[in-house]
N, C-alpha and C. Protein backbone atom coordinates (compact mmCIF):
# COMPACT_ATOMS: atom_id res chain seq x y z
N MET A 1 2.52 -0.33 9.57
CA MET A 1 2.57 0.06 8.17
C MET A 1 1.38 0.97 7.89
N LYS A 2 1.61 1.91 7.04
CA LYS A 2 0.54 2.81 6.63
C LYS A 2 -0.53 2.02 5.88
N LYS A 3 -1.79 2.38 6.12
CA LYS A 3 -2.89 1.68 5.47
C LYS A 3 -2.90 2.00 3.98
N ILE A 4 -3.18 0.97 3.18
CA ILE A 4 -3.30 1.12 1.73
C ILE A 4 -4.80 1.17 1.44
N ILE A 5 -5.28 2.34 1.00
CA ILE A 5 -6.70 2.57 0.77
C ILE A 5 -6.97 2.78 -0.72
N ALA A 6 -7.96 2.06 -1.26
CA ALA A 6 -8.33 2.22 -2.67
C ALA A 6 -8.90 3.62 -2.90
N LYS A 7 -8.46 4.23 -3.98
CA LYS A 7 -8.93 5.56 -4.35
C LYS A 7 -10.04 5.48 -5.39
N VAL A 8 -10.00 4.43 -6.21
CA VAL A 8 -10.99 4.21 -7.26
C VAL A 8 -11.41 2.73 -7.22
N ASN A 9 -12.44 2.40 -7.95
CA ASN A 9 -12.89 1.01 -8.05
C ASN A 9 -11.98 0.25 -9.02
N PHE A 10 -11.49 -0.92 -8.59
CA PHE A 10 -10.65 -1.75 -9.46
C PHE A 10 -10.59 -3.17 -8.93
N GLY A 11 -10.06 -4.07 -9.75
CA GLY A 11 -9.88 -5.46 -9.36
C GLY A 11 -8.41 -5.82 -9.35
N LEU A 12 -8.00 -6.65 -8.39
CA LEU A 12 -6.61 -7.07 -8.28
C LEU A 12 -6.56 -8.46 -7.69
N ASN A 13 -5.84 -9.36 -8.32
CA ASN A 13 -5.69 -10.74 -7.84
C ASN A 13 -7.04 -11.42 -7.61
N GLY A 14 -8.00 -11.15 -8.48
CA GLY A 14 -9.31 -11.78 -8.37
C GLY A 14 -10.22 -11.19 -7.31
N VAL A 15 -9.82 -10.08 -6.70
CA VAL A 15 -10.62 -9.41 -5.68
C VAL A 15 -10.99 -8.03 -6.19
N ASN A 16 -12.26 -7.68 -6.08
CA ASN A 16 -12.71 -6.35 -6.50
C ASN A 16 -12.74 -5.42 -5.30
N TYR A 17 -12.23 -4.21 -5.50
CA TYR A 17 -12.18 -3.20 -4.45
C TYR A 17 -12.99 -2.00 -4.89
N ILE A 18 -13.64 -1.34 -3.94
CA ILE A 18 -14.32 -0.08 -4.22
C ILE A 18 -13.60 1.02 -3.45
N ALA A 19 -13.76 2.24 -3.91
CA ALA A 19 -13.08 3.37 -3.30
C ALA A 19 -13.35 3.38 -1.80
N GLY A 20 -12.28 3.51 -1.03
CA GLY A 20 -12.38 3.55 0.43
C GLY A 20 -12.04 2.24 1.11
N ASP A 21 -11.98 1.13 0.36
CA ASP A 21 -11.61 -0.17 0.94
C ASP A 21 -10.14 -0.18 1.30
N GLU A 22 -9.83 -0.89 2.41
CA GLU A 22 -8.43 -1.10 2.76
C GLU A 22 -7.95 -2.37 2.06
N ILE A 23 -6.74 -2.32 1.52
CA ILE A 23 -6.20 -3.44 0.75
C ILE A 23 -5.08 -4.09 1.56
N TYR A 24 -5.15 -5.42 1.67
CA TYR A 24 -4.19 -6.19 2.45
C TYR A 24 -3.38 -7.12 1.55
N ASN A 25 -2.32 -7.68 2.12
CA ASN A 25 -1.51 -8.73 1.49
C ASN A 25 -0.99 -8.36 0.12
N LEU A 26 -0.34 -7.22 0.03
CA LEU A 26 0.28 -6.79 -1.22
C LEU A 26 1.79 -6.84 -1.09
N THR A 27 2.46 -7.04 -2.21
CA THR A 27 3.92 -6.95 -2.23
C THR A 27 4.30 -5.47 -2.43
N TYR A 28 5.57 -5.18 -2.20
CA TYR A 28 6.03 -3.82 -2.41
C TYR A 28 5.83 -3.39 -3.85
N ASN A 29 6.13 -4.28 -4.80
CA ASN A 29 5.98 -3.93 -6.22
C ASN A 29 4.53 -3.63 -6.57
N GLN A 30 3.59 -4.38 -6.01
CA GLN A 30 2.17 -4.11 -6.26
C GLN A 30 1.78 -2.75 -5.69
N ILE A 31 2.25 -2.45 -4.49
CA ILE A 31 1.93 -1.16 -3.86
C ILE A 31 2.48 -0.01 -4.69
N ALA A 32 3.73 -0.13 -5.12
CA ALA A 32 4.37 0.92 -5.92
C ALA A 32 3.62 1.13 -7.24
N LYS A 33 3.21 0.04 -7.90
CA LYS A 33 2.51 0.13 -9.18
C LYS A 33 1.13 0.78 -8.99
N LEU A 34 0.40 0.36 -7.96
CA LEU A 34 -0.92 0.95 -7.69
C LEU A 34 -0.80 2.43 -7.36
N ASN A 35 0.25 2.80 -6.63
CA ASN A 35 0.48 4.20 -6.29
C ASN A 35 0.80 5.00 -7.56
N GLU A 36 1.63 4.43 -8.41
CA GLU A 36 2.02 5.09 -9.66
C GLU A 36 0.82 5.33 -10.58
N LYS A 37 -0.09 4.37 -10.64
CA LYS A 37 -1.25 4.48 -11.52
C LYS A 37 -2.40 5.25 -10.90
N GLY A 38 -2.30 5.61 -9.60
CA GLY A 38 -3.34 6.40 -8.96
C GLY A 38 -4.53 5.60 -8.47
N PHE A 39 -4.37 4.28 -8.29
CA PHE A 39 -5.46 3.44 -7.84
C PHE A 39 -5.64 3.48 -6.32
N ILE A 40 -4.59 3.90 -5.60
CA ILE A 40 -4.67 4.00 -4.14
C ILE A 40 -4.41 5.44 -3.72
N GLN A 41 -4.75 5.74 -2.47
CA GLN A 41 -4.48 7.08 -1.98
C GLN A 41 -2.97 7.31 -2.06
N PRO A 42 -2.57 8.49 -2.51
CA PRO A 42 -1.15 8.76 -2.78
C PRO A 42 -0.24 8.49 -1.58
N LEU A 43 0.88 7.85 -1.87
CA LEU A 43 1.90 7.61 -0.87
C LEU A 43 3.15 8.40 -1.26
N ALA A 44 3.75 9.05 -0.28
CA ALA A 44 4.97 9.80 -0.51
C ALA A 44 6.15 8.84 -0.58
N TYR A 45 7.27 9.32 -1.07
CA TYR A 45 8.49 8.50 -1.17
C TYR A 45 8.85 7.92 0.20
N GLU A 46 8.75 8.74 1.23
CA GLU A 46 9.07 8.28 2.59
C GLU A 46 8.18 7.10 3.00
N ASP A 47 6.89 7.19 2.68
CA ASP A 47 5.96 6.10 3.00
C ASP A 47 6.36 4.82 2.28
N LEU A 48 6.74 4.92 1.01
CA LEU A 48 7.14 3.75 0.23
C LEU A 48 8.40 3.11 0.80
N VAL A 49 9.36 3.94 1.23
CA VAL A 49 10.60 3.42 1.81
C VAL A 49 10.29 2.67 3.10
N LEU A 50 9.45 3.25 3.96
CA LEU A 50 9.10 2.60 5.22
C LEU A 50 8.33 1.31 4.99
N ILE A 51 7.45 1.29 4.01
CA ILE A 51 6.70 0.06 3.68
C ILE A 51 7.67 -1.02 3.20
N LYS A 52 8.61 -0.64 2.35
CA LYS A 52 9.57 -1.62 1.84
C LYS A 52 10.40 -2.20 2.97
N ARG A 53 10.86 -1.35 3.89
CA ARG A 53 11.64 -1.83 5.03
C ARG A 53 10.83 -2.80 5.88
N GLU A 54 9.58 -2.44 6.13
CA GLU A 54 8.74 -3.29 6.96
C GLU A 54 8.45 -4.63 6.29
N LEU A 55 8.22 -4.63 4.99
CA LEU A 55 7.95 -5.89 4.28
C LEU A 55 9.20 -6.77 4.22
N ASN A 56 10.38 -6.16 4.09
CA ASN A 56 11.62 -6.93 4.05
C ASN A 56 12.05 -7.42 5.43
N ASN A 57 11.69 -6.68 6.47
CA ASN A 57 12.07 -7.03 7.83
C ASN A 57 10.85 -6.81 8.72
N PRO A 58 10.03 -7.83 8.93
CA PRO A 58 8.79 -7.68 9.70
C PRO A 58 8.99 -7.15 11.12
N LYS A 59 10.21 -7.28 11.67
CA LYS A 59 10.46 -6.79 13.02
C LYS A 59 10.64 -5.28 13.04
N PHE A 60 10.88 -4.67 11.87
CA PHE A 60 11.06 -3.22 11.78
C PHE A 60 9.74 -2.52 12.03
N LYS A 61 9.73 -1.60 12.96
CA LYS A 61 8.55 -0.80 13.24
C LYS A 61 8.97 0.65 13.39
N LYS A 62 8.27 1.54 12.75
CA LYS A 62 8.54 2.96 12.91
C LYS A 62 7.99 3.37 14.26
N GLU A 63 8.81 4.06 15.04
CA GLU A 63 8.38 4.50 16.36
C GLU A 63 7.31 5.56 16.22
N GLU A 64 6.21 5.36 16.93
CA GLU A 64 5.11 6.32 16.93
C GLU A 64 5.43 7.41 17.93
N LYS A 65 5.21 8.65 17.54
CA LYS A 65 5.47 9.77 18.45
C LYS A 65 4.19 10.31 18.99
């Protein structure tokens, strides 16, 4: 899965993040909302689709070229 990196300082689920931190253990809805509000480094539609597939089916892996 593509890394989710904080773009600005913010708090989520009782954890404070500073710009540049990697964020773990998020649901797809949380990722989409953070992306929409600009709190994380921008993700393209393709990235969001691949993240959703991977979260719904942990065995799904995008082949690395």
